[in-house]
Amino acid sequence: MDAMDDPKLVAALTRIETKLDHFNQIYATHLVEHDDHETRIRLLEKKVWTLPTAATLLAILAMVLPFLLV
């Protein structure tokens, strides 16, 4: 009797294969969602730091400009 002739073994291997396929699908979805999440975070960081940077440069210019005009 061959090991693959055992119906219990075949059923167990089929369940394992099904679970692995399901895990692969979930993992692939997770990778896509993770990349999307990273992109949104980077975009948000850019937006958040743009205004303070502009404000700082404007403040420095406002402090230096009177000395340059004298």
N, C-alpha and C. Protein backbone atom coordinates (compact mmCIF):
# COMPACT_ATOMS: atom_id res chain seq x y z
N MET A 1 0.85 -1.18 0.00
CA MET A 1 0.00 0.00 0.00
C MET A 1 0.89 1.24 0.00
N ASP A 2 0.63 2.11 -0.93
CA ASP A 2 1.37 3.36 -1.07
C ASP A 2 0.83 4.37 -0.06
N ALA A 3 1.69 5.27 0.39
CA ALA A 3 1.29 6.27 1.38
C ALA A 3 0.20 7.19 0.83
N MET A 4 0.22 7.47 -0.46
CA MET A 4 -0.76 8.35 -1.07
C MET A 4 -2.11 7.67 -1.26
N ASP A 5 -2.19 6.37 -0.99
CA ASP A 5 -3.46 5.65 -1.08
C ASP A 5 -4.27 5.82 0.20
N ASP A 6 -3.65 6.35 1.24
CA ASP A 6 -4.34 6.54 2.51
C ASP A 6 -5.23 7.78 2.40
N PRO A 7 -6.56 7.62 2.49
CA PRO A 7 -7.46 8.77 2.32
C PRO A 7 -7.28 9.83 3.41
N LYS A 8 -6.93 9.41 4.62
CA LYS A 8 -6.72 10.39 5.69
C LYS A 8 -5.51 11.26 5.40
N LEU A 9 -4.47 10.66 4.89
CA LEU A 9 -3.26 11.41 4.56
C LEU A 9 -3.53 12.38 3.40
N VAL A 10 -4.24 11.91 2.39
CA VAL A 10 -4.56 12.76 1.25
C VAL A 10 -5.42 13.94 1.71
N ALA A 11 -6.39 13.69 2.57
CA ALA A 11 -7.26 14.76 3.08
C ALA A 11 -6.45 15.77 3.90
N ALA A 12 -5.54 15.26 4.73
CA ALA A 12 -4.72 16.15 5.56
C ALA A 12 -3.82 17.02 4.68
N LEU A 13 -3.20 16.42 3.67
CA LEU A 13 -2.34 17.18 2.77
C LEU A 13 -3.14 18.21 1.98
N THR A 14 -4.35 17.86 1.60
CA THR A 14 -5.22 18.80 0.88
C THR A 14 -5.57 19.99 1.76
N ARG A 15 -5.87 19.73 3.04
CA ARG A 15 -6.18 20.82 3.97
C ARG A 15 -4.96 21.73 4.16
N ILE A 16 -3.79 21.14 4.28
CA ILE A 16 -2.57 21.92 4.45
C ILE A 16 -2.32 22.79 3.22
N GLU A 17 -2.49 22.21 2.04
CA GLU A 17 -2.27 22.95 0.81
C GLU A 17 -3.28 24.11 0.69
N THR A 18 -4.52 23.85 1.07
CA THR A 18 -5.54 24.89 1.03
C THR A 18 -5.19 26.03 1.99
N LYS A 19 -4.74 25.69 3.17
CA LYS A 19 -4.36 26.71 4.15
C LYS A 19 -3.16 27.52 3.66
N LEU A 20 -2.20 26.86 3.03
CA LEU A 20 -1.04 27.58 2.50
C LEU A 20 -1.44 28.52 1.38
N ASP A 21 -2.35 28.08 0.51
CA ASP A 21 -2.84 28.95 -0.57
C ASP A 21 -3.54 30.17 0.02
N HIS A 22 -4.35 29.95 1.04
CA HIS A 22 -5.05 31.05 1.70
C HIS A 22 -4.05 32.01 2.35
N PHE A 23 -3.04 31.47 2.99
CA PHE A 23 -2.01 32.31 3.61
C PHE A 23 -1.29 33.15 2.55
N ASN A 24 -0.97 32.55 1.42
CA ASN A 24 -0.30 33.29 0.34
C ASN A 24 -1.17 34.44 -0.16
N GLN A 25 -2.47 34.22 -0.28
CA GLN A 25 -3.38 35.29 -0.71
C GLN A 25 -3.40 36.43 0.31
N ILE A 26 -3.49 36.08 1.58
CA ILE A 26 -3.53 37.10 2.63
C ILE A 26 -2.22 37.88 2.64
N TYR A 27 -1.10 37.18 2.51
CA TYR A 27 0.21 37.84 2.52
C TYR A 27 0.36 38.79 1.34
N ALA A 28 -0.09 38.38 0.16
CA ALA A 28 0.00 39.24 -1.01
C ALA A 28 -0.85 40.50 -0.82
N THR A 29 -2.03 40.33 -0.27
CA THR A 29 -2.90 41.48 0.01
C THR A 29 -2.25 42.40 1.03
N HIS A 30 -1.63 41.81 2.03
CA HIS A 30 -0.96 42.61 3.07
C HIS A 30 0.17 43.45 2.47
N LEU A 31 0.92 42.87 1.54
CA LEU A 31 2.02 43.62 0.92
C LEU A 31 1.50 44.83 0.16
N VAL A 32 0.40 44.66 -0.56
CA VAL A 32 -0.18 45.77 -1.32
C VAL A 32 -0.68 46.84 -0.36
N GLU A 33 -1.37 46.43 0.70
CA GLU A 33 -1.88 47.40 1.67
C GLU A 33 -0.74 48.11 2.39
N HIS A 34 0.34 47.39 2.67
CA HIS A 34 1.48 47.98 3.35
C HIS A 34 2.14 49.05 2.47
N ASP A 35 2.30 48.74 1.19
CA ASP A 35 2.89 49.71 0.27
C ASP A 35 2.02 50.95 0.17
N ASP A 36 0.70 50.75 0.10
CA ASP A 36 -0.23 51.87 0.03
C ASP A 36 -0.14 52.72 1.30
N HIS A 37 -0.04 52.06 2.43
CA HIS A 37 0.07 52.74 3.72
C HIS A 37 1.35 53.58 3.77
N GLU A 38 2.46 53.01 3.33
CA GLU A 38 3.73 53.73 3.32
C GLU A 38 3.64 54.96 2.42
N THR A 39 3.00 54.82 1.27
CA THR A 39 2.86 55.94 0.35
C THR A 39 2.05 57.06 0.98
N ARG A 40 0.95 56.70 1.64
CA ARG A 40 0.12 57.73 2.28
C ARG A 40 0.87 58.41 3.41
N ILE A 41 1.64 57.67 4.19
CA ILE A 41 2.40 58.28 5.28
C ILE A 41 3.44 59.25 4.73
N ARG A 42 4.16 58.86 3.70
CA ARG A 42 5.18 59.74 3.12
C ARG A 42 4.55 61.02 2.55
N LEU A 43 3.39 60.89 1.91
CA LEU A 43 2.71 62.06 1.39
C LEU A 43 2.27 62.98 2.52
N LEU A 44 1.75 62.40 3.59
CA LEU A 44 1.33 63.19 4.74
C LEU A 44 2.52 63.90 5.38
N GLU A 45 3.65 63.21 5.49
CA GLU A 45 4.84 63.83 6.07
C GLU A 45 5.30 65.01 5.22
N LYS A 46 5.23 64.87 3.91
CA LYS A 46 5.61 65.98 3.02
C LYS A 46 4.72 67.18 3.26
N LYS A 47 3.41 66.93 3.33
CA LYS A 47 2.47 68.03 3.54
C LYS A 47 2.67 68.67 4.90
N VAL A 48 2.92 67.88 5.91
CA VAL A 48 3.06 68.41 7.26
C VAL A 48 4.30 69.28 7.37
N TRP A 49 5.39 68.89 6.73
CA TRP A 49 6.64 69.64 6.88
C TRP A 49 6.79 70.78 5.89
N THR A 50 5.93 70.87 4.90
CA THR A 50 6.03 71.96 3.92
C THR A 50 5.70 73.30 4.56
N LEU A 51 4.61 73.38 5.31
CA LEU A 51 4.19 74.64 5.92
C LEU A 51 5.18 75.15 6.97
N PRO A 52 5.66 74.32 7.91
CA PRO A 52 6.65 74.84 8.87
C PRO A 52 7.95 75.29 8.20
N THR A 53 8.35 74.59 7.16
CA THR A 53 9.57 74.99 6.46
C THR A 53 9.38 76.35 5.80
N ALA A 54 8.26 76.54 5.15
CA ALA A 54 7.98 77.83 4.52
C ALA A 54 7.89 78.93 5.57
N ALA A 55 7.26 78.66 6.69
CA ALA A 55 7.14 79.66 7.75
C ALA A 55 8.50 80.03 8.32
N THR A 56 9.37 79.05 8.49
CA THR A 56 10.71 79.30 9.01
C THR A 56 11.52 80.16 8.04
N LEU A 57 11.47 79.82 6.77
CA LEU A 57 12.20 80.60 5.77
C LEU A 57 11.67 82.03 5.69
N LEU A 58 10.36 82.19 5.78
CA LEU A 58 9.78 83.52 5.76
C LEU A 58 10.18 84.33 7.00
N ALA A 59 10.24 83.68 8.15
CA ALA A 59 10.65 84.37 9.38
C ALA A 59 12.11 84.80 9.30
N ILE A 60 12.96 83.95 8.77
CA ILE A 60 14.39 84.30 8.62
C ILE A 60 14.53 85.46 7.64
N LEU A 61 13.78 85.40 6.55
CA LEU A 61 13.82 86.49 5.57
C LEU A 61 13.33 87.80 6.20
N ALA A 62 12.30 87.74 7.02
CA ALA A 62 11.77 88.94 7.68
C ALA A 62 12.77 89.51 8.66
N MET A 63 13.60 88.68 9.26
CA MET A 63 14.61 89.17 10.20
C MET A 63 15.82 89.74 9.47
N VAL A 64 16.19 89.18 8.35
CA VAL A 64 17.41 89.59 7.64
C VAL A 64 17.14 90.75 6.69
N LEU A 65 15.97 90.80 6.12
CA LEU A 65 15.65 91.81 5.12
C LEU A 65 15.85 93.24 5.61
N PRO A 66 15.43 93.61 6.82
CA PRO A 66 15.66 95.01 7.26
C PRO A 66 17.15 95.37 7.31
N PHE A 67 18.01 94.43 7.63
CA PHE A 67 19.45 94.73 7.67
C PHE A 67 20.02 94.89 6.26
N LEU A 68 19.44 94.21 5.31
CA LEU A 68 19.91 94.32 3.93
C LEU A 68 19.45 95.61 3.27
N LEU A 69 18.32 96.15 3.70
CA LEU A 69 17.77 97.35 3.10
C LEU A 69 18.38 98.63 3.68
N VAL A 70 19.09 98.53 4.76
CA VAL A 70 19.68 99.72 5.40
C VAL A 70 20.91 100.16 4.66
